[in-house]
Amino acid sequence: MTDTNLTAKLQEILRPKLRFLTPGADVPMDEDLGELGLDSMASIDLLMDIESQLGVQIPDELMTAETFETGNHLLAVIEKLM
């Protein structure tokens, strides 16, 4: 999967979990996901979707606030694991 395709796929996975994101708006990959509405329950769903749709399992040691701070942080972790 190319970087562009991976970014687009992650945005697609993220979008429904960001309840404060304006419908139809692009997912801002450099903004705080918590401020966009990602809460703890949505984070669990996000992890399951990343695993099932991207085939990547994020190990416990990478499940940190920093990993989930922004879309770009999460993308960097996923890229390292692929």
C-alpha atoms as a PDB file:
ATOM      1  CA  MET A   1       0.000   0.000   0.000  1.00  0.00           C
ATOM      2  CA  THR A   2       1.447   3.388  -0.945  1.00  0.00           C
ATOM      3  CA  ASP A   3       1.767   6.204   1.585  1.00  0.00           C
ATOM      4  CA  THR A   4      -1.069   8.084  -0.127  1.00  0.00           C
ATOM      5  CA  ASN A   5      -3.339   5.037  -0.064  1.00  0.00           C
ATOM      6  CA  LEU A   6      -2.477   4.297   3.569  1.00  0.00           C
ATOM      7  CA  THR A   7      -3.228   7.887   4.585  1.00  0.00           C
ATOM      8  CA  ALA A   8      -6.556   7.820   2.756  1.00  0.00           C
ATOM      9  CA  LYS A   9      -7.485   4.459   4.322  1.00  0.00           C
ATOM     10  CA  LEU A  10      -6.584   5.676   7.820  1.00  0.00           C
ATOM     11  CA  GLN A  11      -8.660   8.812   7.266  1.00  0.00           C
ATOM     12  CA  GLU A  12     -11.561   6.612   6.187  1.00  0.00           C
ATOM     13  CA  ILE A  13     -11.196   4.541   9.363  1.00  0.00           C
ATOM     14  CA  LEU A  14     -10.838   7.619  11.579  1.00  0.00           C
ATOM     15  CA  ARG A  15     -13.682   9.738  10.156  1.00  0.00           C
ATOM     16  CA  PRO A  16     -16.660   7.994  11.851  1.00  0.00           C
ATOM     17  CA  LYS A  17     -14.868   8.027  15.201  1.00  0.00           C
ATOM     18  CA  LEU A  18     -14.283  11.791  15.228  1.00  0.00           C
ATOM     19  CA  ARG A  19     -17.658  13.027  16.416  1.00  0.00           C
ATOM     20  CA  PHE A  20     -16.677  16.728  16.384  1.00  0.00           C
ATOM     21  CA  LEU A  21     -15.482  16.623  12.770  1.00  0.00           C
ATOM     22  CA  THR A  22     -17.772  18.511  10.417  1.00  0.00           C
ATOM     23  CA  PRO A  23     -19.567  16.060   8.089  1.00  0.00           C
ATOM     24  CA  GLY A  24     -17.821  15.929   4.730  1.00  0.00           C
ATOM     25  CA  ALA A  25     -14.679  17.645   6.064  1.00  0.00           C
ATOM     26  CA  ASP A  26     -11.246  16.169   5.472  1.00  0.00           C
ATOM     27  CA  VAL A  27      -9.678  14.493   8.480  1.00  0.00           C
ATOM     28  CA  PRO A  28      -6.975  16.925   9.654  1.00  0.00           C
ATOM     29  CA  MET A  29      -4.040  14.597  10.233  1.00  0.00           C
ATOM     30  CA  ASP A  30      -2.118  17.115  12.349  1.00  0.00           C
ATOM     31  CA  GLU A  31      -4.890  18.008  14.820  1.00  0.00           C
ATOM     32  CA  ASP A  32      -5.458  16.474  18.249  1.00  0.00           C
ATOM     33  CA  LEU A  33      -7.745  13.462  17.827  1.00  0.00           C
ATOM     34  CA  GLY A  34      -9.206  13.947  21.301  1.00  0.00           C
ATOM     35  CA  GLU A  35     -10.278  17.470  20.415  1.00  0.00           C
ATOM     36  CA  LEU A  36     -11.892  16.069  17.270  1.00  0.00           C
ATOM     37  CA  GLY A  37     -13.976  13.713  19.412  1.00  0.00           C
ATOM     38  CA  LEU A  38     -11.973  10.501  19.703  1.00  0.00           C
ATOM     39  CA  ASP A  39     -12.781   9.147  23.160  1.00  0.00           C
ATOM     40  CA  SER A  40     -11.684   5.946  24.922  1.00  0.00           C
ATOM     41  CA  MET A  41     -14.529   3.837  23.522  1.00  0.00           C
ATOM     42  CA  ALA A  42     -13.923   5.097  19.988  1.00  0.00           C
ATOM     43  CA  SER A  43     -10.206   4.350  20.450  1.00  0.00           C
ATOM     44  CA  ILE A  44     -10.996   0.695  21.083  1.00  0.00           C
ATOM     45  CA  ASP A  45     -13.117   0.574  17.931  1.00  0.00           C
ATOM     46  CA  LEU A  46     -10.317   2.325  16.070  1.00  0.00           C
ATOM     47  CA  LEU A  47      -7.781  -0.296  17.163  1.00  0.00           C
ATOM     48  CA  MET A  48     -10.052  -3.124  16.044  1.00  0.00           C
ATOM     49  CA  ASP A  49     -10.672  -1.438  12.674  1.00  0.00           C
ATOM     50  CA  ILE A  50      -6.951  -0.846  12.107  1.00  0.00           C
ATOM     51  CA  GLU A  51      -6.277  -4.496  12.825  1.00  0.00           C
ATOM     52  CA  SER A  52      -9.060  -5.825  10.607  1.00  0.00           C
ATOM     53  CA  GLN A  53      -8.790  -3.370   7.714  1.00  0.00           C
ATOM     54  CA  LEU A  54      -5.048  -2.772   7.600  1.00  0.00           C
ATOM     55  CA  GLY A  55      -3.814  -6.057   9.043  1.00  0.00           C
ATOM     56  CA  VAL A  56      -1.702  -4.255  11.634  1.00  0.00           C
ATOM     57  CA  GLN A  57      -1.744  -4.995  15.352  1.00  0.00           C
ATOM     58  CA  ILE A  58      -0.417  -2.185  17.528  1.00  0.00           C
ATOM     59  CA  PRO A  59       1.595  -3.741  20.376  1.00  0.00           C
ATOM     60  CA  ASP A  60       0.911  -2.752  23.969  1.00  0.00           C
ATOM     61  CA  GLU A  61       4.120  -0.740  24.268  1.00  0.00           C
ATOM     62  CA  LEU A  62       2.970   1.552  21.441  1.00  0.00           C
ATOM     63  CA  MET A  63      -0.503   2.144  22.876  1.00  0.00           C
ATOM     64  CA  THR A  64       0.358   5.527  24.294  1.00  0.00           C
ATOM     65  CA  ALA A  65      -1.259   8.939  24.359  1.00  0.00           C
ATOM     66  CA  GLU A  66       1.430  10.098  21.921  1.00  0.00           C
ATOM     67  CA  THR A  67       0.535   7.398  19.372  1.00  0.00           C
ATOM     68  CA  PHE A  68      -3.086   8.529  19.385  1.00  0.00           C
ATOM     69  CA  GLU A  69      -2.409  12.262  19.668  1.00  0.00           C
ATOM     70  CA  THR A  70      -2.831  12.996  15.957  1.00  0.00           C
ATOM     71  CA  GLY A  71      -3.599  11.118  12.784  1.00  0.00           C
ATOM     72  CA  ASN A  72      -0.021  11.665  11.642  1.00  0.00           C
ATOM     73  CA  HIS A  73       1.383  10.102  14.829  1.00  0.00           C
ATOM     74  CA  LEU A  74      -0.869   7.100  14.366  1.00  0.00           C
ATOM     75  CA  LEU A  75       0.053   6.872  10.686  1.00  0.00           C
ATOM     76  CA  ALA A  76       3.783   6.863  11.546  1.00  0.00           C
ATOM     77  CA  VAL A  77       3.272   3.959  13.958  1.00  0.00           C
ATOM     78  CA  ILE A  78       1.256   1.992  11.403  1.00  0.00           C
ATOM     79  CA  GLU A  79       3.892   2.594   8.697  1.00  0.00           C
ATOM     80  CA  LYS A  80       6.612   1.221  10.990  1.00  0.00           C
ATOM     81  CA  LEU A  81       4.554  -1.902  11.665  1.00  0.00           C
ATOM     82  CA  MET A  82       3.740  -2.669   8.033  1.00  0.00           C
END
